Protein backbone atom coordinates (compact mmCIF):
# COMPACT_ATOMS: atom_id res chain seq x y z
CA MET A 1 102.68 103.38 109.57
CA GLN A 2 103.07 99.48 110.89
CA ALA A 3 104.19 100.85 114.40
CA LEU A 4 101.33 103.32 114.52
CA GLN A 5 98.88 100.43 113.54
CA LYS A 6 100.46 98.19 116.11
CA ARG A 7 100.10 100.68 118.96
CA ARG A 8 96.44 101.32 117.90
CA LEU A 9 95.79 97.49 118.02
CA ASP A 10 97.23 96.96 121.29
CA MET A 11 95.42 100.06 122.92
CA GLN A 12 93.53 98.55 125.93
CA LYS A 13 89.79 98.61 125.04
CA ILE A 14 87.68 100.47 127.96
CA VAL A 15 84.05 99.68 128.34
CA PRO A 16 82.35 102.74 130.22
CA PRO A 17 80.10 101.99 133.22
CA LEU A 18 76.48 101.51 132.34
CA LEU A 19 73.90 104.07 133.44
CA SER A 20 71.81 103.79 136.68
CA ALA A 21 68.80 105.93 138.10
CA GLY A 22 70.13 109.13 139.39
CA ASP A 23 73.06 109.55 137.09
CA GLU A 24 73.53 112.82 135.30
CA ILE A 25 73.96 113.00 131.44
CA ARG A 26 75.46 116.14 129.70
CA ILE A 27 74.36 117.39 126.48
CA VAL A 28 76.85 118.73 124.05
CA ALA A 29 76.65 120.22 120.56
CA PRO A 30 79.50 119.07 118.33
CA SER A 31 77.77 119.91 115.10
CA ARG A 32 74.80 122.32 115.87
CA GLY A 33 73.27 124.02 118.90
CA ILE A 34 70.02 123.38 120.57
CA LYS A 35 68.13 126.28 118.72
CA ILE A 36 67.37 123.84 115.90
CA ILE A 37 65.19 121.81 118.35
CA GLY A 38 61.64 123.01 119.12
CA VAL A 39 60.80 123.65 122.60
CA ASP A 40 58.04 120.98 122.67
CA SER A 41 60.69 118.30 121.57
CA ARG A 42 63.19 119.60 124.26
CA GLU A 43 60.43 119.25 126.89
CA LEU A 44 59.47 115.70 125.77
CA ALA A 45 63.16 114.63 125.89
CA ALA A 46 63.65 116.01 129.25
CA GLN A 47 60.55 114.06 130.47
CA ARG A 48 61.89 110.78 128.84
CA PHE A 49 65.22 110.91 130.42
CA ALA A 50 63.48 111.93 133.74
CA GLN A 51 61.42 108.77 133.41
CA MET A 52 64.59 106.66 133.30
CA GLY A 53 65.71 108.44 136.48
CA LEU A 54 68.37 110.43 134.74
CA LYS A 55 69.18 114.05 135.24
CA VAL A 56 70.05 116.27 132.29
CA SER A 57 72.55 119.09 132.26
CA LEU A 58 73.64 121.20 129.11
CA GLY A 59 77.09 122.08 128.08
CA ARG A 60 78.09 125.93 128.04
CA TYR A 61 77.95 126.02 124.36
CA THR A 62 74.71 124.51 123.57
CA THR A 63 72.50 127.58 123.72
CA ASP A 64 70.06 129.13 121.40
CA ASP A 65 72.75 131.58 120.20
CA ASN A 66 74.72 128.75 118.62
CA TRP A 67 73.17 127.48 115.48
CA ASP A 68 76.01 126.15 113.08
CA LEU A 69 78.83 126.87 115.51
CA MET A 70 81.31 127.91 112.78
CA GLY A 71 84.76 129.14 112.94
CA THR A 72 88.15 128.18 114.87
CA SER A 73 86.98 129.58 118.23
CA ALA A 74 83.79 127.50 117.94
CA ILE A 75 85.82 124.47 117.30
CA GLU A 76 87.61 125.08 120.60
CA GLN A 77 84.34 125.80 122.45
CA ARG A 78 82.66 122.66 121.15
CA ALA A 79 85.59 120.49 122.18
CA ALA A 80 85.83 122.24 125.55
CA ASP A 81 82.36 121.11 126.10
CA ILE A 82 83.02 117.58 125.43
CA MET A 83 86.11 117.69 127.65
CA ASP A 84 84.39 119.50 130.58
CA ALA A 85 81.69 116.70 130.50
CA PHE A 86 84.53 113.94 130.55
CA GLU A 87 86.30 115.69 133.53
CA ASP A 88 83.23 116.20 135.55
CA SER A 89 82.88 113.29 138.07
CA ASN A 90 79.08 113.92 138.24
CA VAL A 91 78.60 113.20 134.65
CA LYS A 92 78.09 109.59 133.69
CA ALA A 93 77.00 109.96 129.93
CA ILE A 94 77.37 112.31 127.09
CA PHE A 95 74.64 112.62 124.66
CA THR A 96 74.94 114.98 121.48
CA ILE A 97 72.06 117.31 120.51
CA ILE A 98 71.98 116.48 116.84
CA GLY A 99 74.25 115.70 113.87
CA GLY A 100 75.53 118.21 111.17
CA PHE A 101 78.58 118.05 108.95
CA ASN A 102 81.67 119.30 110.75
CA SER A 103 82.31 117.35 114.06
CA ASN A 104 85.49 115.87 112.40
CA GLN A 105 87.04 119.32 113.07
CA LEU A 106 87.19 118.65 116.85
CA LEU A 107 89.16 115.49 116.80
CA PRO A 108 92.57 117.05 117.22
CA PHE A 109 91.21 119.33 119.95
CA LEU A 110 90.22 116.50 122.38
CA ASP A 111 92.60 115.23 125.11
CA TYR A 112 92.51 111.44 124.79
CA ASP A 113 94.48 110.64 127.81
CA ILE A 114 91.87 112.59 130.04
CA ILE A 115 89.05 110.65 128.01
CA ARG A 116 90.75 107.36 128.84
CA LYS A 117 91.14 108.06 132.46
CA ASN A 118 87.30 109.25 132.85
CA PRO A 119 85.56 106.67 130.78
CA LYS A 120 81.77 107.36 130.19
CA ILE A 121 79.20 106.71 127.58
CA PHE A 122 79.27 108.84 124.59
CA CYS A 123 76.24 108.52 122.22
CA GLY A 124 74.90 110.11 119.11
CA PHE A 125 74.86 109.22 115.28
CA SER A 126 75.23 110.66 111.64
CA ASP A 127 78.13 113.28 111.71
CA ILE A 128 78.75 112.28 115.18
CA THR A 129 80.27 109.04 113.53
CA ALA A 130 83.66 110.97 113.44
CA LEU A 131 83.85 111.37 117.07
CA LEU A 132 82.47 107.91 117.99
CA ASN A 133 85.25 106.28 115.85
CA GLY A 134 87.81 108.85 116.66
CA ILE A 135 87.55 108.55 120.44
CA TYR A 136 87.48 104.72 120.11
CA ALA A 137 90.79 104.85 118.00
CA ARG A 138 92.64 107.27 120.06
CA SER A 139 91.48 106.24 123.55
CA GLY A 140 90.11 102.62 123.46
CA LEU A 141 86.82 103.83 124.85
CA VAL A 142 83.72 102.08 123.50
CA THR A 143 81.24 104.60 122.20
CA PHE A 144 77.85 104.21 121.03
CA SER A 145 75.98 104.95 117.60
CA GLY A 146 72.49 105.71 118.95
CA PRO A 147 69.92 108.32 119.41
CA HIS A 148 70.74 112.11 119.68
CA TYR A 149 69.25 114.02 122.57
CA SER A 150 66.92 115.55 119.82
CA SER A 151 65.70 111.79 119.00
CA PHE A 152 64.06 111.67 122.55
CA GLY A 153 61.66 114.45 121.19
CA MET A 154 60.10 112.20 118.81
CA LEU A 155 56.42 112.07 119.82
CA LYS A 156 55.51 108.87 117.95
CA GLY A 157 57.50 105.66 116.71
CA PHE A 158 60.19 106.08 119.40
CA ASP A 159 59.44 102.92 121.35
CA TYR A 160 61.91 100.56 119.54
CA THR A 161 64.78 103.13 119.63
CA TRP A 162 64.14 103.76 123.38
CA LYS A 163 64.28 100.10 124.08
CA CYS A 164 67.35 99.36 122.20
CA MET A 165 68.98 102.23 123.97
CA LYS A 166 68.03 101.08 127.48
CA ASP A 167 69.08 97.53 126.49
CA MET A 168 72.59 98.61 125.66
CA LEU A 169 73.28 101.43 128.16
CA LEU A 170 71.24 100.71 131.14
CA GLU A 171 70.12 97.06 131.34
CA GLY A 172 73.24 94.58 130.66
CA GLY A 173 74.88 96.19 127.71
CA GLN A 174 73.81 93.56 125.35
CA TYR A 175 70.73 92.50 123.26
CA GLN A 176 69.77 90.72 120.07
CA LEU A 177 68.62 93.03 117.28
CA THR A 178 65.20 92.14 115.84
CA PRO A 179 63.52 94.05 112.99
CA SER A 180 61.17 96.89 113.99
CA ALA A 181 57.35 96.21 113.20
CA GLU A 182 57.26 99.46 111.24
CA TRP A 183 59.58 102.36 110.05
CA SER A 184 59.27 105.90 108.99
CA ASP A 185 61.30 108.26 106.72
CA ASP A 186 59.31 111.36 107.29
CA LEU A 187 60.52 114.87 108.69
CA TRP A 188 58.96 114.05 112.16
CA PHE A 189 60.33 117.26 113.81
CA ILE A 190 58.17 119.45 111.49
CA ASP A 191 55.07 117.77 112.08
CA GLN A 192 54.78 115.50 115.07
CA GLN A 193 51.18 114.33 114.49
CA ASN A 194 50.88 113.63 110.98
CA ARG A 195 53.48 110.78 110.62
CA THR A 196 53.80 107.94 107.93
CA PHE A 197 54.71 104.56 109.03
CA GLU A 198 55.36 101.58 106.85
CA ALA A 199 55.44 97.78 107.65
CA ASN A 200 59.00 96.46 107.87
CA GLU A 201 59.84 93.55 105.42
CA GLY A 202 62.56 92.57 107.77
CA TYR A 203 66.43 92.10 107.06
CA TRP A 204 67.80 91.60 103.56
CA ASN A 205 70.27 88.68 103.79
CA ILE A 206 72.32 89.72 100.75
CA GLN A 207 75.17 87.29 101.34
CA SER A 208 74.55 84.53 104.06
CA GLY A 209 77.16 83.42 106.59
CA ASP A 210 78.10 83.45 110.32
CA ALA A 211 80.83 85.96 111.72
CA GLU A 212 81.71 87.75 114.89
CA GLY A 213 84.23 90.45 115.75
CA VAL A 214 84.62 94.08 117.03
CA VAL A 215 81.97 96.59 115.82
CA VAL A 216 83.34 99.66 113.83
CA GLY A 217 81.34 102.18 111.52
CA GLY A 218 78.29 104.32 111.56
CA ASN A 219 77.66 106.84 108.82
CA LEU A 220 79.66 105.77 105.95
CA GLY A 221 80.38 108.97 104.18
CA THR A 222 81.62 110.36 107.60
CA LEU A 223 83.76 107.23 108.49
CA THR A 224 85.36 107.66 105.11
CA LEU A 225 86.62 110.97 106.02
CA LEU A 226 88.79 109.34 108.58
CA ASN A 227 90.68 107.01 106.07
CA GLY A 228 94.33 107.61 106.21
CA SER A 229 94.24 109.42 109.68
CA VAL A 230 94.82 107.93 113.41
CA TYR A 231 91.09 108.73 113.99
CA ARG A 232 89.86 105.74 111.90
CA PRO A 233 89.91 102.78 114.13
CA VAL A 234 92.13 99.87 112.65
CA PHE A 235 90.17 96.89 111.61
CA ASP A 236 91.16 94.17 114.04
CA ARG A 237 91.68 90.62 113.00
CA ASP A 238 87.90 90.17 113.31
CA THR A 239 85.81 93.28 112.62
CA ILE A 240 82.10 93.60 111.83
CA LEU A 241 81.44 96.79 109.82
CA PHE A 242 78.34 98.61 110.31
CA VAL A 243 77.40 101.12 107.63
CA GLU A 244 74.54 103.57 106.64
CA ASP A 245 74.22 106.44 104.41
CA CYS A 246 71.88 109.65 104.28
CA TYR A 247 70.20 111.47 101.48
CA THR A 248 68.65 114.62 102.07
CA SER A 249 67.68 115.49 98.29
CA GLY A 250 67.75 113.41 95.53
CA GLY A 251 68.97 109.63 95.22
CA ASP A 252 72.53 108.43 93.94
CA ASP A 253 73.13 104.82 94.50
CA ALA A 254 76.52 105.45 92.86
CA ALA A 255 77.58 107.44 95.93
CA PHE A 256 77.09 104.56 98.38
CA LEU A 257 78.98 102.20 95.84
CA ARG A 258 81.93 104.65 95.75
CA GLU A 259 82.11 105.10 99.42
CA LEU A 260 81.82 101.48 100.09
CA GLN A 261 84.43 100.54 97.57
CA ALA A 262 86.76 103.15 98.87
CA MET A 263 86.38 101.57 102.52
CA ALA A 264 87.01 98.23 100.97
CA TYR A 265 90.23 99.43 99.43
CA GLN A 266 91.82 100.06 103.05
CA ALA A 267 94.57 97.59 103.63
CA ASP A 268 93.04 96.25 106.86
CA PHE A 269 89.67 95.68 105.09
CA ALA A 270 91.01 92.12 104.87
CA ASN A 271 90.07 91.75 108.54
CA VAL A 272 86.51 92.63 107.94
CA LYS A 273 84.36 89.43 108.52
CA ALA A 274 80.91 90.88 107.61
CA VAL A 275 79.11 93.84 106.68
CA VAL A 276 75.90 95.25 108.27
CA ILE A 277 74.06 97.78 106.35
CA GLY A 278 71.42 100.23 107.79
CA ARG A 279 68.15 100.96 106.23
CA PHE A 280 68.38 103.61 103.15
CA GLN A 281 66.28 106.56 103.13
CA LYS A 282 63.49 106.65 100.35
CA ALA A 283 65.44 109.57 98.60
CA SER A 284 68.51 107.16 97.92
CA GLY A 285 66.38 105.25 95.37
CA ILE A 286 68.22 102.20 96.63
CA THR A 287 66.24 99.08 96.30
CA ARG A 288 67.21 95.48 97.51
CA GLU A 289 67.93 94.80 93.67
CA LYS A 290 70.27 97.87 93.45
CA LEU A 291 71.97 97.04 96.76
CA GLU A 292 72.51 93.26 95.56
CA TYR A 293 74.16 94.82 92.47
CA ILE A 294 76.41 97.11 94.58
CA VAL A 295 77.50 94.22 96.98
CA HIS A 296 78.13 91.78 94.04
CA SER A 297 80.23 94.38 92.13
CA ILE A 298 82.81 94.92 94.98
CA PRO A 299 85.47 92.21 94.72
CA GLN A 300 86.46 92.66 98.55
CA LEU A 301 82.93 91.61 99.65
CA LYS A 302 82.88 88.27 97.99
CA GLY A 303 82.13 85.39 100.43
CA LEU A 304 81.39 87.97 103.39
CA PRO A 305 77.97 87.91 105.10
CA VAL A 306 76.17 91.14 104.20
CA ILE A 307 72.92 91.81 105.94
CA ALA A 308 70.92 95.02 105.11
CA ASN A 309 67.83 96.92 105.87
CA VAL A 310 68.70 96.89 109.54
CA ASP A 311 67.31 99.40 111.97
CA PHE A 312 69.95 101.96 112.22
CA GLY A 313 70.68 105.22 110.23
CA HIS A 314 68.61 108.05 109.17
CA THR A 315 65.20 106.35 109.17
CA THR A 316 63.31 105.69 112.40
CA PRO A 317 63.39 103.68 114.57
CA MET A 318 67.25 102.99 115.23
CA ALA A 319 69.13 100.55 117.27
CA THR A 320 72.09 101.59 119.60
CA LEU A 321 75.50 100.05 118.34
CA PRO A 322 78.64 99.60 120.59
CA ILE A 323 81.53 100.99 118.73
CA GLY A 324 84.47 98.96 119.92
CA GLY A 325 82.03 96.49 121.23
CA TYR A 326 81.07 93.20 119.89
CA CYS A 327 78.77 91.50 117.41
CA ARG A 328 78.04 87.89 116.65
CA ILE A 329 76.05 87.02 113.39
CA VAL A 330 74.37 83.67 113.56
CA GLY A 331 71.83 82.24 111.18
CA GLY A 332 71.01 85.63 110.14
CA ASN A 333 70.68 86.98 113.59
CA ILE A 334 72.62 89.92 115.08
CA ILE A 335 73.68 89.96 118.83
CA LEU A 336 75.25 92.94 120.14
CA SER A 337 77.21 93.51 123.43
CA VAL A 338 79.81 95.69 124.86
CA ASN A 339 82.14 93.05 125.80
CA LYS A 340 83.02 89.78 124.01
CA ASP A 341 82.01 87.58 126.84
């Protein structure tokens, strides 16, 4: 185990080239196919990528026939789409269609040597957390927790998400996170016109302090699935852990506590220097008071800076986070970049 951890720690980090006008992006379906996205949303997503000067192509197994993409053959097909995109020299970035629950099945079927030799942007969130962290752990490639292809089909309330994505992937690879003016937790994909937005009260500084280090994380429940495997990135000497959770029906703050405590039990959690927590969905029932209780009840978090109610996760809008990139927390401000310098 020590030799494996040392090999993973010593793996050279690779930052993919940023996007430029004229580049092609490939859309893949690690969890679910494109059928789940309405035609209007697909058209709007295509328009927005075109506004950035980016060309869109679809993987072979993203069609309307593929809904849940279940079964062993589907695993191989989903993995093949990802590998085809990495091997295609015309493709400069890979975006996932949407999340789901089973993208962790693909990890043994990816060729990490090929990924290492063909570095390019890989972006998505939620269930895609497994791939983002697994690819980084096995190849050293910096990946991005950010909007899906389907996210670009959101008619209203998308500007913050879009700007963060462009700042990180097109315009320099770095930016300072600032709280969005408003946020939403509605089913936007069902009714694009009647949306509910709320004023953002800003970040919750649960425990103050400054820190800096390598970014690891995403959806906490999905990240926890990687514990004990070669697909969970080793927490370097200085790591900033970003976590969020999703609640589709009913709230259970105990679930978040258990998941975060399970992560804190990992031997290399001692290298975590700060924890940044994404905004909770309303169904979670987690208030600032409840979250403070959760944080203060986990001994391993004592003394660590903890900032919550940050714009990433399963509410909108969302920031784009570089998994394997770098984060500095100074005076409650969060600065993200693909490189340390």
